[in-house]
Amino acid sequence: MCVKCGNETSVIGTRCPTKPGRGAEVKKASKVVSWYTSDFVVRLRRCKVCNAKGMTIELPIEDIVAMIQESSDGHAPDELVQRNQ
């Protein structure tokens, strides 16, 4: 779903750490998930209506659950966690 207009998007490219293409998208995704796993896929997407481009990161559901638990246990990098002050 497009974050700008809410319409459907289509995949225009796929990247992963083993086949990063030019690498910019994988580097961005790595900043978010590499503290936990290198097993992820980046999908480049374009809105079918407004042509806005975006990126999604796909992870196995087990990794997402474990990352949430690790974060709540205080093991995620500080720059990724918003802490209540």
PDB file of N, CA and C in Angstrom:
ATOM      1  N   MET A   1       0.842  -1.173   0.000  1.00  0.00           N
ATOM      2  CA  MET A   1       0.000   0.000   0.000  1.00  0.00           C
ATOM      3  C   MET A   1       0.891   1.242   0.000  1.00  0.00           C
ATOM      4  N   CYS A   2       0.552   2.203  -0.823  1.00  0.00           N
ATOM      5  CA  CYS A   2       1.305   3.447  -0.925  1.00  0.00           C
ATOM      6  C   CYS A   2       1.133   4.280   0.348  1.00  0.00           C
ATOM      7  N   VAL A   3       2.243   4.746   0.894  1.00  0.00           N
ATOM      8  CA  VAL A   3       2.168   5.563   2.109  1.00  0.00           C
ATOM      9  C   VAL A   3       1.688   6.978   1.812  1.00  0.00           C
ATOM     10  N   LYS A   4       1.742   7.407   0.558  1.00  0.00           N
ATOM     11  CA  LYS A   4       1.294   8.761   0.212  1.00  0.00           C
ATOM     12  C   LYS A   4      -0.187   8.820  -0.116  1.00  0.00           C
ATOM     13  N   CYS A   5      -0.681   7.856  -0.926  1.00  0.00           N
ATOM     14  CA  CYS A   5      -2.081   7.952  -1.346  1.00  0.00           C
ATOM     15  C   CYS A   5      -2.927   6.741  -0.968  1.00  0.00           C
ATOM     16  N   GLY A   6      -2.303   5.674  -0.445  1.00  0.00           N
ATOM     17  CA  GLY A   6      -3.053   4.513   0.011  1.00  0.00           C
ATOM     18  C   GLY A   6      -3.425   3.509  -1.054  1.00  0.00           C
ATOM     19  N   ASN A   7      -3.015   3.733  -2.293  1.00  0.00           N
ATOM     20  CA  ASN A   7      -3.339   2.792  -3.365  1.00  0.00           C
ATOM     21  C   ASN A   7      -2.313   1.670  -3.454  1.00  0.00           C
ATOM     22  N   GLU A   8      -2.585   0.738  -4.342  1.00  0.00           N
ATOM     23  CA  GLU A   8      -1.749  -0.442  -4.524  1.00  0.00           C
ATOM     24  C   GLU A   8      -0.396  -0.087  -5.137  1.00  0.00           C
ATOM     25  N   THR A   9       0.635  -0.826  -4.715  1.00  0.00           N
ATOM     26  CA  THR A   9       1.970  -0.645  -5.282  1.00  0.00           C
ATOM     27  C   THR A   9       2.379  -1.907  -6.036  1.00  0.00           C
ATOM     28  N   SER A  10       3.386  -1.774  -6.871  1.00  0.00           N
ATOM     29  CA  SER A  10       3.948  -2.940  -7.538  1.00  0.00           C
ATOM     30  C   SER A  10       5.442  -2.981  -7.264  1.00  0.00           C
ATOM     31  N   VAL A  11       6.000  -4.183  -7.247  1.00  0.00           N
ATOM     32  CA  VAL A  11       7.428  -4.366  -7.003  1.00  0.00           C
ATOM     33  C   VAL A  11       8.174  -4.040  -8.289  1.00  0.00           C
ATOM     34  N   ILE A  12       9.174  -3.156  -8.165  1.00  0.00           N
ATOM     35  CA  ILE A  12       9.975  -2.789  -9.340  1.00  0.00           C
ATOM     36  C   ILE A  12      11.420  -3.256  -9.193  1.00  0.00           C
ATOM     37  N   GLY A  13      11.750  -3.854  -8.055  1.00  0.00           N
ATOM     38  CA  GLY A  13      13.092  -4.378  -7.848  1.00  0.00           C
ATOM     39  C   GLY A  13      13.189  -5.129  -6.552  1.00  0.00           C
ATOM     40  N   THR A  14      14.108  -6.068  -6.495  1.00  0.00           N
ATOM     41  CA  THR A  14      14.330  -6.871  -5.298  1.00  0.00           C
ATOM     42  C   THR A  14      15.824  -6.930  -5.028  1.00  0.00           C
ATOM     43  N   ARG A  15      16.204  -6.734  -3.779  1.00  0.00           N
ATOM     44  CA  ARG A  15      17.601  -6.772  -3.374  1.00  0.00           C
ATOM     45  C   ARG A  15      17.718  -7.569  -2.072  1.00  0.00           C
ATOM     46  N   CYS A  16      18.896  -8.132  -1.850  1.00  0.00           N
ATOM     47  CA  CYS A  16      19.204  -8.806  -0.600  1.00  0.00           C
ATOM     48  C   CYS A  16      20.706  -8.679  -0.353  1.00  0.00           C
ATOM     49  N   PRO A  17      21.169  -8.975   0.853  1.00  0.00           N
ATOM     50  CA  PRO A  17      22.595  -8.808   1.129  1.00  0.00           C
ATOM     51  C   PRO A  17      23.505  -9.605   0.193  1.00  0.00           C
ATOM     52  N   THR A  18      23.048 -10.750  -0.282  1.00  0.00           N
ATOM     53  CA  THR A  18      23.895 -11.537  -1.181  1.00  0.00           C
ATOM     54  C   THR A  18      23.852 -11.043  -2.625  1.00  0.00           C
ATOM     55  N   LYS A  19      22.820 -10.282  -2.986  1.00  0.00           N
ATOM     56  CA  LYS A  19      22.702  -9.681  -4.321  1.00  0.00           C
ATOM     57  C   LYS A  19      22.193  -8.252  -4.158  1.00  0.00           C
ATOM     58  N   PRO A  20      23.066  -7.339  -3.696  1.00  0.00           N
ATOM     59  CA  PRO A  20      22.620  -6.004  -3.330  1.00  0.00           C
ATOM     60  C   PRO A  20      22.409  -5.029  -4.484  1.00  0.00           C
ATOM     61  N   GLY A  21      22.699  -5.412  -5.717  1.00  0.00           N
ATOM     62  CA  GLY A  21      22.603  -4.437  -6.792  1.00  0.00           C
ATOM     63  C   GLY A  21      23.624  -3.343  -6.545  1.00  0.00           C
ATOM     64  N   ARG A  22      23.209  -2.090  -6.639  1.00  0.00           N
ATOM     65  CA  ARG A  22      24.123  -0.979  -6.344  1.00  0.00           C
ATOM     66  C   ARG A  22      24.362  -0.815  -4.848  1.00  0.00           C
ATOM     67  N   GLY A  23      23.505  -1.420  -4.053  1.00  0.00           N
ATOM     68  CA  GLY A  23      23.758  -1.489  -2.626  1.00  0.00           C
ATOM     69  C   GLY A  23      23.105  -0.466  -1.726  1.00  0.00           C
ATOM     70  N   ALA A  24      22.625   0.646  -2.263  1.00  0.00           N
ATOM     71  CA  ALA A  24      22.075   1.703  -1.401  1.00  0.00           C
ATOM     72  C   ALA A  24      20.885   1.224  -0.589  1.00  0.00           C
ATOM     73  N   GLU A  25      19.979   0.496  -1.213  1.00  0.00           N
ATOM     74  CA  GLU A  25      18.782   0.028  -0.506  1.00  0.00           C
ATOM     75  C   GLU A  25      19.146  -0.974   0.579  1.00  0.00           C
ATOM     76  N   VAL A  26      20.063  -1.878   0.273  1.00  0.00           N
ATOM     77  CA  VAL A  26      20.484  -2.878   1.253  1.00  0.00           C
ATOM     78  C   VAL A  26      21.194  -2.194   2.422  1.00  0.00           C
ATOM     79  N   LYS A  27      21.979  -1.170   2.153  1.00  0.00           N
ATOM     80  CA  LYS A  27      22.653  -0.436   3.241  1.00  0.00           C
ATOM     81  C   LYS A  27      21.629   0.231   4.151  1.00  0.00           C
ATOM     82  N   LYS A  28      20.587   0.830   3.570  1.00  0.00           N
ATOM     83  CA  LYS A  28      19.541   1.457   4.381  1.00  0.00           C
ATOM     84  C   LYS A  28      18.844   0.419   5.252  1.00  0.00           C
ATOM     85  N   ALA A  29      18.493  -0.712   4.656  1.00  0.00           N
ATOM     86  CA  ALA A  29      17.814  -1.770   5.409  1.00  0.00           C
ATOM     87  C   ALA A  29      18.724  -2.341   6.488  1.00  0.00           C
ATOM     88  N   SER A  30      20.002  -2.478   6.180  1.00  0.00           N
ATOM     89  CA  SER A  30      20.951  -3.024   7.152  1.00  0.00           C
ATOM     90  C   SER A  30      21.022  -2.184   8.409  1.00  0.00           C
ATOM     91  N   LYS A  31      20.855  -0.869   8.276  1.00  0.00           N
ATOM     92  CA  LYS A  31      20.879   0.007   9.450  1.00  0.00           C
ATOM     93  C   LYS A  31      19.772  -0.344  10.430  1.00  0.00           C
ATOM     94  N   VAL A  32      18.689  -0.917   9.904  1.00  0.00           N
ATOM     95  CA  VAL A  32      17.532  -1.234  10.743  1.00  0.00           C
ATOM     96  C   VAL A  32      17.583  -2.660  11.286  1.00  0.00           C
ATOM     97  N   VAL A  33      18.004  -3.635  10.467  1.00  0.00           N
ATOM     98  CA  VAL A  33      17.878  -5.035  10.869  1.00  0.00           C
ATOM     99  C   VAL A  33      19.180  -5.802  11.052  1.00  0.00           C
ATOM    100  N   SER A  34      20.303  -5.271  10.601  1.00  0.00           N
ATOM    101  CA  SER A  34      21.537  -6.072  10.646  1.00  0.00           C
ATOM    102  C   SER A  34      22.030  -6.348  12.065  1.00  0.00           C
ATOM    103  N   TRP A  35      21.572  -5.596  13.060  1.00  0.00           N
ATOM    104  CA  TRP A  35      21.950  -5.881  14.442  1.00  0.00           C
ATOM    105  C   TRP A  35      21.408  -7.238  14.879  1.00  0.00           C
ATOM    106  N   TYR A  36      20.368  -7.698  14.163  1.00  0.00           N
ATOM    107  CA  TYR A  36      19.765  -8.977  14.533  1.00  0.00           C
ATOM    108  C   TYR A  36      19.988 -10.070  13.489  1.00  0.00           C
ATOM    109  N   THR A  37      19.829  -9.743  12.204  1.00  0.00           N
ATOM    110  CA  THR A  37      19.909 -10.763  11.160  1.00  0.00           C
ATOM    111  C   THR A  37      20.413 -10.183   9.839  1.00  0.00           C
ATOM    112  N   SER A  38      20.991 -11.049   9.042  1.00  0.00           N
ATOM    113  CA  SER A  38      21.364 -10.659   7.680  1.00  0.00           C
ATOM    114  C   SER A  38      20.450 -11.356   6.681  1.00  0.00           C
ATOM    115  N   ASP A  39      19.422 -12.027   7.180  1.00  0.00           N
ATOM    116  CA  ASP A  39      18.458 -12.750   6.353  1.00  0.00           C
ATOM    117  C   ASP A  39      17.239 -11.869   6.109  1.00  0.00           C
ATOM    118  N   PHE A  40      17.347 -10.978   5.110  1.00  0.00           N
ATOM    119  CA  PHE A  40      16.226 -10.107   4.771  1.00  0.00           C
ATOM    120  C   PHE A  40      16.220  -9.828   3.278  1.00  0.00           C
ATOM    121  N   VAL A  41      15.069  -9.364   2.805  1.00  0.00           N
ATOM    122  CA  VAL A  41      14.896  -8.998   1.394  1.00  0.00           C
ATOM    123  C   VAL A  41      14.338  -7.583   1.349  1.00  0.00           C
ATOM    124  N   VAL A  42      14.872  -6.785   0.450  1.00  0.00           N
ATOM    125  CA  VAL A  42      14.396  -5.422   0.240  1.00  0.00           C
ATOM    126  C   VAL A  42      13.607  -5.400  -1.066  1.00  0.00           C
ATOM    127  N   ARG A  43      12.400  -4.871  -1.013  1.00  0.00           N
ATOM    128  CA  ARG A  43      11.581  -4.721  -2.225  1.00  0.00           C
ATOM    129  C   ARG A  43      11.433  -3.243  -2.528  1.00  0.00           C
ATOM    130  N   LEU A  44      11.759  -2.869  -3.733  1.00  0.00           N
ATOM    131  CA  LEU A  44      11.554  -1.506  -4.208  1.00  0.00           C
ATOM    132  C   LEU A  44      10.173  -1.475  -4.834  1.00  0.00           C
ATOM    133  N   ARG A  45       9.370  -0.499  -4.470  1.00  0.00           N
ATOM    134  CA  ARG A  45       7.976  -0.453  -4.903  1.00  0.00           C
ATOM    135  C   ARG A  45       7.629   0.893  -5.512  1.00  0.00           C
ATOM    136  N   ARG A  46       6.643   0.871  -6.406  1.00  0.00           N
ATOM    137  CA  ARG A  46       6.133   2.106  -7.013  1.00  0.00           C
ATOM    138  C   ARG A  46       4.607   2.045  -6.983  1.00  0.00           C
ATOM    139  N   CYS A  47       4.000   3.169  -6.590  1.00  0.00           N
ATOM    140  CA  CYS A  47       2.546   3.263  -6.549  1.00  0.00           C
ATOM    141  C   CYS A  47       1.992   3.254  -7.968  1.00  0.00           C
ATOM    142  N   LYS A  48       0.916   2.509  -8.154  1.00  0.00           N
ATOM    143  CA  LYS A  48       0.283   2.418  -9.469  1.00  0.00           C
ATOM    144  C   LYS A  48      -0.514   3.661  -9.817  1.00  0.00           C
ATOM    145  N   VAL A  49      -0.802   4.515  -8.834  1.00  0.00           N
ATOM    146  CA  VAL A  49      -1.608   5.713  -9.072  1.00  0.00           C
ATOM    147  C   VAL A  49      -0.755   6.982  -9.070  1.00  0.00           C
ATOM    148  N   CYS A  50      -0.029   7.233  -7.977  1.00  0.00           N
ATOM    149  CA  CYS A  50       0.719   8.494  -7.865  1.00  0.00           C
ATOM    150  C   CYS A  50       2.201   8.362  -8.220  1.00  0.00           C
ATOM    151  N   ASN A  51       2.649   7.154  -8.517  1.00  0.00           N
ATOM    152  CA  ASN A  51       4.042   6.863  -8.886  1.00  0.00           C
ATOM    153  C   ASN A  51       5.067   7.113  -7.780  1.00  0.00           C
ATOM    154  N   ALA A  52       4.617   7.287  -6.537  1.00  0.00           N
ATOM    155  CA  ALA A  52       5.558   7.441  -5.425  1.00  0.00           C
ATOM    156  C   ALA A  52       6.350   6.144  -5.279  1.00  0.00           C
ATOM    157  N   LYS A  53       7.621   6.284  -4.947  1.00  0.00           N
ATOM    158  CA  LYS A  53       8.472   5.107  -4.752  1.00  0.00           C
ATOM    159  C   LYS A  53       8.712   4.893  -3.265  1.00  0.00           C
ATOM    160  N   GLY A  54       8.887   3.638  -2.900  1.00  0.00           N
ATOM    161  CA  GLY A  54       9.160   3.292  -1.520  1.00  0.00           C
ATOM    162  C   GLY A  54       9.918   1.991  -1.444  1.00  0.00           C
ATOM    163  N   MET A  55      10.198   1.574  -0.234  1.00  0.00           N
ATOM    164  CA  MET A  55      10.980   0.385   0.004  1.00  0.00           C
ATOM    165  C   MET A  55      10.384  -0.365   1.183  1.00  0.00           C
ATOM    166  N   THR A  56      10.322  -1.689   1.071  1.00  0.00           N
ATOM    167  CA  THR A  56       9.901  -2.510   2.201  1.00  0.00           C
ATOM    168  C   THR A  56      11.020  -3.490   2.521  1.00  0.00           C
ATOM    169  N   ILE A  57      11.066  -3.903   3.782  1.00  0.00           N
ATOM    170  CA  ILE A  57      12.026  -4.899   4.231  1.00  0.00           C
ATOM    171  C   ILE A  57      11.229  -6.124   4.647  1.00  0.00           C
ATOM    172  N   GLU A  58      11.558  -7.278   4.056  1.00  0.00           N
ATOM    173  CA  GLU A  58      10.869  -8.519   4.404  1.00  0.00           C
ATOM    174  C   GLU A  58      11.775  -9.392   5.259  1.00  0.00           C
ATOM    175  N   LEU A  59      11.185  -9.899   6.354  1.00  0.00           N
ATOM    176  CA  LEU A  59      11.880 -10.780   7.281  1.00  0.00           C
ATOM    177  C   LEU A  59      10.988 -11.967   7.602  1.00  0.00           C
ATOM    178  N   PRO A  60      11.574 -13.102   7.956  1.00  0.00           N
ATOM    179  CA  PRO A  60      10.753 -14.200   8.465  1.00  0.00           C
ATOM    180  C   PRO A  60      10.033 -13.735   9.735  1.00  0.00           C
ATOM    181  N   ILE A  61       8.799 -14.149   9.905  1.00  0.00           N
ATOM    182  CA  ILE A  61       7.993 -13.711  11.053  1.00  0.00           C
ATOM    183  C   ILE A  61       8.670 -14.062  12.369  1.00  0.00           C
ATOM    184  N   GLU A  62       9.372 -15.179  12.415  1.00  0.00           N
ATOM    185  CA  GLU A  62      10.068 -15.567  13.642  1.00  0.00           C
ATOM    186  C   GLU A  62      11.135 -14.521  14.018  1.00  0.00           C
ATOM    187  N   ASP A  63      11.795 -13.961  13.005  1.00  0.00           N
ATOM    188  CA  ASP A  63      12.790 -12.920  13.273  1.00  0.00           C
ATOM    189  C   ASP A  63      12.141 -11.645  13.783  1.00  0.00           C
ATOM    190  N   ILE A  64      10.990 -11.306  13.231  1.00  0.00           N
ATOM    191  CA  ILE A  64      10.294 -10.097  13.690  1.00  0.00           C
ATOM    192  C   ILE A  64       9.893 -10.244  15.151  1.00  0.00           C
ATOM    193  N   VAL A  65       9.334 -11.387  15.497  1.00  0.00           N
ATOM    194  CA  VAL A  65       8.927 -11.640  16.882  1.00  0.00           C
ATOM    195  C   VAL A  65      10.143 -11.580  17.807  1.00  0.00           C
ATOM    196  N   ALA A  66      11.242 -12.211  17.402  1.00  0.00           N
ATOM    197  CA  ALA A  66      12.449 -12.216  18.228  1.00  0.00           C
ATOM    198  C   ALA A  66      13.045 -10.816  18.350  1.00  0.00           C
ATOM    199  N   MET A  67      13.014 -10.039  17.280  1.00  0.00           N
ATOM    200  CA  MET A  67      13.534  -8.676  17.327  1.00  0.00           C
ATOM    201  C   MET A  67      12.730  -7.808  18.286  1.00  0.00           C
ATOM    202  N   ILE A  68      11.415  -7.974  18.273  1.00  0.00           N
ATOM    203  CA  ILE A  68      10.570  -7.224  19.200  1.00  0.00           C
ATOM    204  C   ILE A  68      10.907  -7.595  20.638  1.00  0.00           C
ATOM    205  N   GLN A  69      11.085  -8.887  20.891  1.00  0.00           N
ATOM    206  CA  GLN A  69      11.433  -9.335  22.243  1.00  0.00           C
ATOM    207  C   GLN A  69      12.802  -8.801  22.652  1.00  0.00           C
ATOM    208  N   GLU A  70      13.783  -8.909  21.768  1.00  0.00           N
ATOM    209  CA  GLU A  70      15.125  -8.403  22.059  1.00  0.00           C
ATOM    210  C   GLU A  70      15.087  -6.896  22.338  1.00  0.00           C
ATOM    211  N   SER A  71      14.284  -6.174  21.559  1.00  0.00           N
ATOM    212  CA  SER A  71      14.158  -4.725  21.767  1.00  0.00           C
ATOM    213  C   SER A  71      13.552  -4.419  23.124  1.00  0.00           C
ATOM    214  N   SER A  72      12.499  -5.146  23.474  1.00  0.00           N
ATOM    215  CA  SER A  72      11.857  -4.881  24.772  1.00  0.00           C
ATOM    216  C   SER A  72      12.760  -5.281  25.935  1.00  0.00           C
ATOM    217  N   ASP A  73      13.693  -6.210  25.679  1.00  0.00           N
ATOM    218  CA  ASP A  73      14.656  -6.606  26.708  1.00  0.00           C
ATOM    219  C   ASP A  73      15.863  -5.662  26.768  1.00  0.00           C
ATOM    220  N   GLY A  74      15.873  -4.645  25.880  1.00  0.00           N
ATOM    221  CA  GLY A  74      16.943  -3.654  25.901  1.00  0.00           C
ATOM    222  C   GLY A  74      18.168  -4.001  25.079  1.00  0.00           C
ATOM    223  N   HIS A  75      18.035  -4.951  24.146  1.00  0.00           N
ATOM    224  CA  HIS A  75      19.192  -5.393  23.369  1.00  0.00           C
ATOM    225  C   HIS A  75      19.316  -4.769  21.987  1.00  0.00           C
ATOM    226  N   ALA A  76      18.358  -3.962  21.573  1.00  0.00           N
ATOM    227  CA  ALA A  76      18.450  -3.282  20.272  1.00  0.00           C
ATOM    228  C   ALA A  76      19.362  -2.071  20.406  1.00  0.00           C
ATOM    229  N   PRO A  77      20.000  -1.668  19.302  1.00  0.00           N
ATOM    230  CA  PRO A  77      20.840  -0.457  19.352  1.00  0.00           C
ATOM    231  C   PRO A  77      20.016   0.756  19.778  1.00  0.00           C
ATOM    232  N   ASP A  78      20.608   1.605  20.596  1.00  0.00           N
ATOM    233  CA  ASP A  78      19.905   2.786  21.122  1.00  0.00           C
ATOM    234  C   ASP A  78      19.332   3.672  20.042  1.00  0.00           C
ATOM    235  N   GLU A  79      20.013   3.833  18.912  1.00  0.00           N
ATOM    236  CA  GLU A  79      19.521   4.729  17.865  1.00  0.00           C
ATOM    237  C   GLU A  79      18.255   4.200  17.185  1.00  0.00           C
ATOM    238  N   LEU A  80      17.902   2.939  17.428  1.00  0.00           N
ATOM    239  CA  LEU A  80      16.696   2.379  16.823  1.00  0.00           C
ATOM    240  C   LEU A  80      15.517   2.319  17.791  1.00  0.00           C
ATOM    241  N   VAL A  81      15.762   2.596  19.036  1.00  0.00           N
ATOM    242  CA  VAL A  81      14.734   2.442  20.055  1.00  0.00           C
ATOM    243  C   VAL A  81      14.363   3.810  20.622  1.00  0.00           C
ATOM    244  N   GLN A  82      13.067   4.097  20.592  1.00  0.00           N
ATOM    245  CA  GLN A  82      12.589   5.330  21.226  1.00  0.00           C
ATOM    246  C   GLN A  82      12.212   4.990  22.649  1.00  0.00           C
ATOM    247  N   ARG A  83      12.927   5.550  23.547  1.00  0.00           N
ATOM    248  CA  ARG A  83      12.699   5.259  24.957  1.00  0.00           C
ATOM    249  C   ARG A  83      11.847   6.354  25.583  1.00  0.00           C
ATOM    250  N   ASN A  84      10.961   5.955  26.482  1.00  0.00           N
ATOM    251  CA  ASN A  84      10.154   6.945  27.224  1.00  0.00           C
ATOM    252  C   ASN A  84      11.042   7.615  28.248  1.00  0.00           C
ATOM    253  N   GLN A  85      11.044   8.912  28.245  1.00  0.00           N
ATOM    254  CA  GLN A  85      11.889   9.679  29.157  1.00  0.00           C
ATOM    255  C   GLN A  85      11.132  10.062  30.399  1.00  0.00           C
TER     256      GLN A  85
END
